[in-house]
C-alpha cells in the first residue's frame, strides 16, 4: 500500500481511519486544515487530528500529515 498525498476531496468518502491505535470504519463528513469529522458505522461522530491519523480510502493509505492543508488548497496542487 502506497502512502502519498491525496488530492481528491475527502468529504463523503467511505474510509477506515487508524487513530492512536484504534481503528474506525465509516464516512468522512467534513474536514478542515488540521481535522476530519468522521461518522462511524454506528453513527457516532468523532473529530480526529489529521496529523495523528492514517486514512485508508479505496486501498490507498494516506498519512494524515501529508494532507494537512485546507481541502481547497490540497486539491489545487
C-alpha atoms as a PDB file:
ATOM      1  CA  UNK A   1       0.000   0.000   0.000  1.00  0.00           C
ATOM      2  CA  UNK A   2       1.349   3.321  -1.051  1.00  0.00           C
ATOM      3  CA  UNK A   3       1.365   6.335   1.281  1.00  0.00           C
ATOM      4  CA  UNK A   4       1.053   9.553  -0.665  1.00  0.00           C
ATOM      5  CA  UNK A   5      -0.592  12.949  -0.782  1.00  0.00           C
ATOM      6  CA  UNK A   6      -4.250  12.630  -1.693  1.00  0.00           C
ATOM      7  CA  UNK A   7      -5.542  15.370  -3.978  1.00  0.00           C
ATOM      8  CA  UNK A   8      -9.187  14.341  -4.228  1.00  0.00           C
ATOM      9  CA  UNK A   9     -11.981  15.562  -1.936  1.00  0.00           C
ATOM     10  CA  UNK A  10     -12.321  13.501   1.243  1.00  0.00           C
ATOM     11  CA  UNK A  11     -15.832  14.556   2.229  1.00  0.00           C
ATOM     12  CA  UNK A  12     -18.339  11.782   1.589  1.00  0.00           C
ATOM     13  CA  UNK A  13     -15.708   9.062   1.164  1.00  0.00           C
ATOM     14  CA  UNK A  14     -16.036   5.759   2.979  1.00  0.00           C
ATOM     15  CA  UNK A  15     -12.824   5.128   4.866  1.00  0.00           C
ATOM     16  CA  UNK A  16     -11.026   3.274   7.607  1.00  0.00           C
ATOM     17  CA  UNK A  17      -9.097   5.523   9.956  1.00  0.00           C
ATOM     18  CA  UNK A  18      -6.397   4.425  12.367  1.00  0.00           C
ATOM     19  CA  UNK A  19      -6.061   6.935  15.187  1.00  0.00           C
ATOM     20  CA  UNK A  20      -3.995   6.376  18.348  1.00  0.00           C
ATOM     21  CA  UNK A  21      -4.011   2.570  17.918  1.00  0.00           C
ATOM     22  CA  UNK A  22      -7.793   2.457  17.356  1.00  0.00           C
ATOM     23  CA  UNK A  23      -9.422   1.737  14.009  1.00  0.00           C
ATOM     24  CA  UNK A  24     -12.703   3.302  12.922  1.00  0.00           C
ATOM     25  CA  UNK A  25     -14.758   2.473   9.827  1.00  0.00           C
ATOM     26  CA  UNK A  26     -17.273   4.884   8.410  1.00  0.00           C
ATOM     27  CA  UNK A  27     -17.589   8.049   6.350  1.00  0.00           C
ATOM     28  CA  UNK A  28     -15.778  11.396   6.335  1.00  0.00           C
ATOM     29  CA  UNK A  29     -18.395  14.127   6.722  1.00  0.00           C
ATOM     30  CA  UNK A  30     -16.212  17.258   6.949  1.00  0.00           C
ATOM     31  CA  UNK A  31     -12.597  18.376   7.060  1.00  0.00           C
ATOM     32  CA  UNK A  32     -10.571  21.421   7.995  1.00  0.00           C
ATOM     33  CA  UNK A  33      -6.872  22.146   7.666  1.00  0.00           C
ATOM     34  CA  UNK A  34      -5.985  20.027  10.706  1.00  0.00           C
ATOM     35  CA  UNK A  35      -9.012  17.814  11.424  1.00  0.00           C
ATOM     36  CA  UNK A  36     -11.501  15.432   9.883  1.00  0.00           C
ATOM     37  CA  UNK A  37     -15.032  14.911  11.145  1.00  0.00           C
ATOM     38  CA  UNK A  38     -15.834  11.232  10.876  1.00  0.00           C
ATOM     39  CA  UNK A  39     -19.109   9.329  11.245  1.00  0.00           C
ATOM     40  CA  UNK A  40     -18.515   5.753  12.361  1.00  0.00           C
ATOM     41  CA  UNK A  41     -20.606   2.796  11.214  1.00  0.00           C
ATOM     42  CA  UNK A  42     -22.658   3.006  14.438  1.00  0.00           C
ATOM     43  CA  UNK A  43     -23.459   6.700  13.667  1.00  0.00           C
ATOM     44  CA  UNK A  44     -21.091   8.158  16.296  1.00  0.00           C
ATOM     45  CA  UNK A  45     -19.453  11.405  15.127  1.00  0.00           C
ATOM     46  CA  UNK A  46     -15.829  11.973  16.120  1.00  0.00           C
ATOM     47  CA  UNK A  47     -13.294  14.693  15.343  1.00  0.00           C
ATOM     48  CA  UNK A  48      -9.772  13.448  14.618  1.00  0.00           C
ATOM     49  CA  UNK A  49      -6.481  15.282  14.123  1.00  0.00           C
ATOM     50  CA  UNK A  50      -5.081  14.641  10.667  1.00  0.00           C
ATOM     51  CA  UNK A  51      -1.508  14.622  11.982  1.00  0.00           C
ATOM     52  CA  UNK A  52      -2.220  11.551  14.146  1.00  0.00           C
ATOM     53  CA  UNK A  53      -4.301   9.661  11.583  1.00  0.00           C
ATOM     54  CA  UNK A  54      -3.732   7.025   8.938  1.00  0.00           C
ATOM     55  CA  UNK A  55      -6.617   7.007   6.464  1.00  0.00           C
ATOM     56  CA  UNK A  56      -7.449   4.167   4.091  1.00  0.00           C
ATOM     57  CA  UNK A  57      -9.660   5.021   1.089  1.00  0.00           C
ATOM     58  CA  UNK A  58     -10.075   2.542  -1.803  1.00  0.00           C
ATOM     59  CA  UNK A  59      -6.920   0.619  -0.781  1.00  0.00           C
ATOM     60  CA  UNK A  60      -4.882   3.836  -0.732  1.00  0.00           C
ATOM     61  CA  UNK A  61      -3.136   4.513   2.582  1.00  0.00           C
ATOM     62  CA  UNK A  62      -2.938   8.218   3.358  1.00  0.00           C
ATOM     63  CA  UNK A  63      -0.752   9.646   6.089  1.00  0.00           C
ATOM     64  CA  UNK A  64      -2.717  12.476   7.694  1.00  0.00           C
ATOM     65  CA  UNK A  65       0.444  14.598   7.925  1.00  0.00           C
ATOM     66  CA  UNK A  66       0.590  14.657   4.117  1.00  0.00           C
ATOM     67  CA  UNK A  67      -2.864  16.199   3.791  1.00  0.00           C
ATOM     68  CA  UNK A  68      -2.627  18.891   6.472  1.00  0.00           C
ATOM     69  CA  UNK A  69      -3.945  21.644   4.276  1.00  0.00           C
ATOM     70  CA  UNK A  70      -7.313  23.195   3.685  1.00  0.00           C
ATOM     71  CA  UNK A  71      -9.266  20.986   1.298  1.00  0.00           C
ATOM     72  CA  UNK A  72      -9.321  23.629  -1.437  1.00  0.00           C
ATOM     73  CA  UNK A  73      -5.518  24.138  -1.195  1.00  0.00           C
ATOM     74  CA  UNK A  74      -4.778  20.411  -1.302  1.00  0.00           C
ATOM     75  CA  UNK A  75      -6.990  19.792  -4.339  1.00  0.00           C
ATOM     76  CA  UNK A  76      -5.479  22.679  -6.384  1.00  0.00           C
ATOM     77  CA  UNK A  77      -1.895  21.397  -6.079  1.00  0.00           C
END
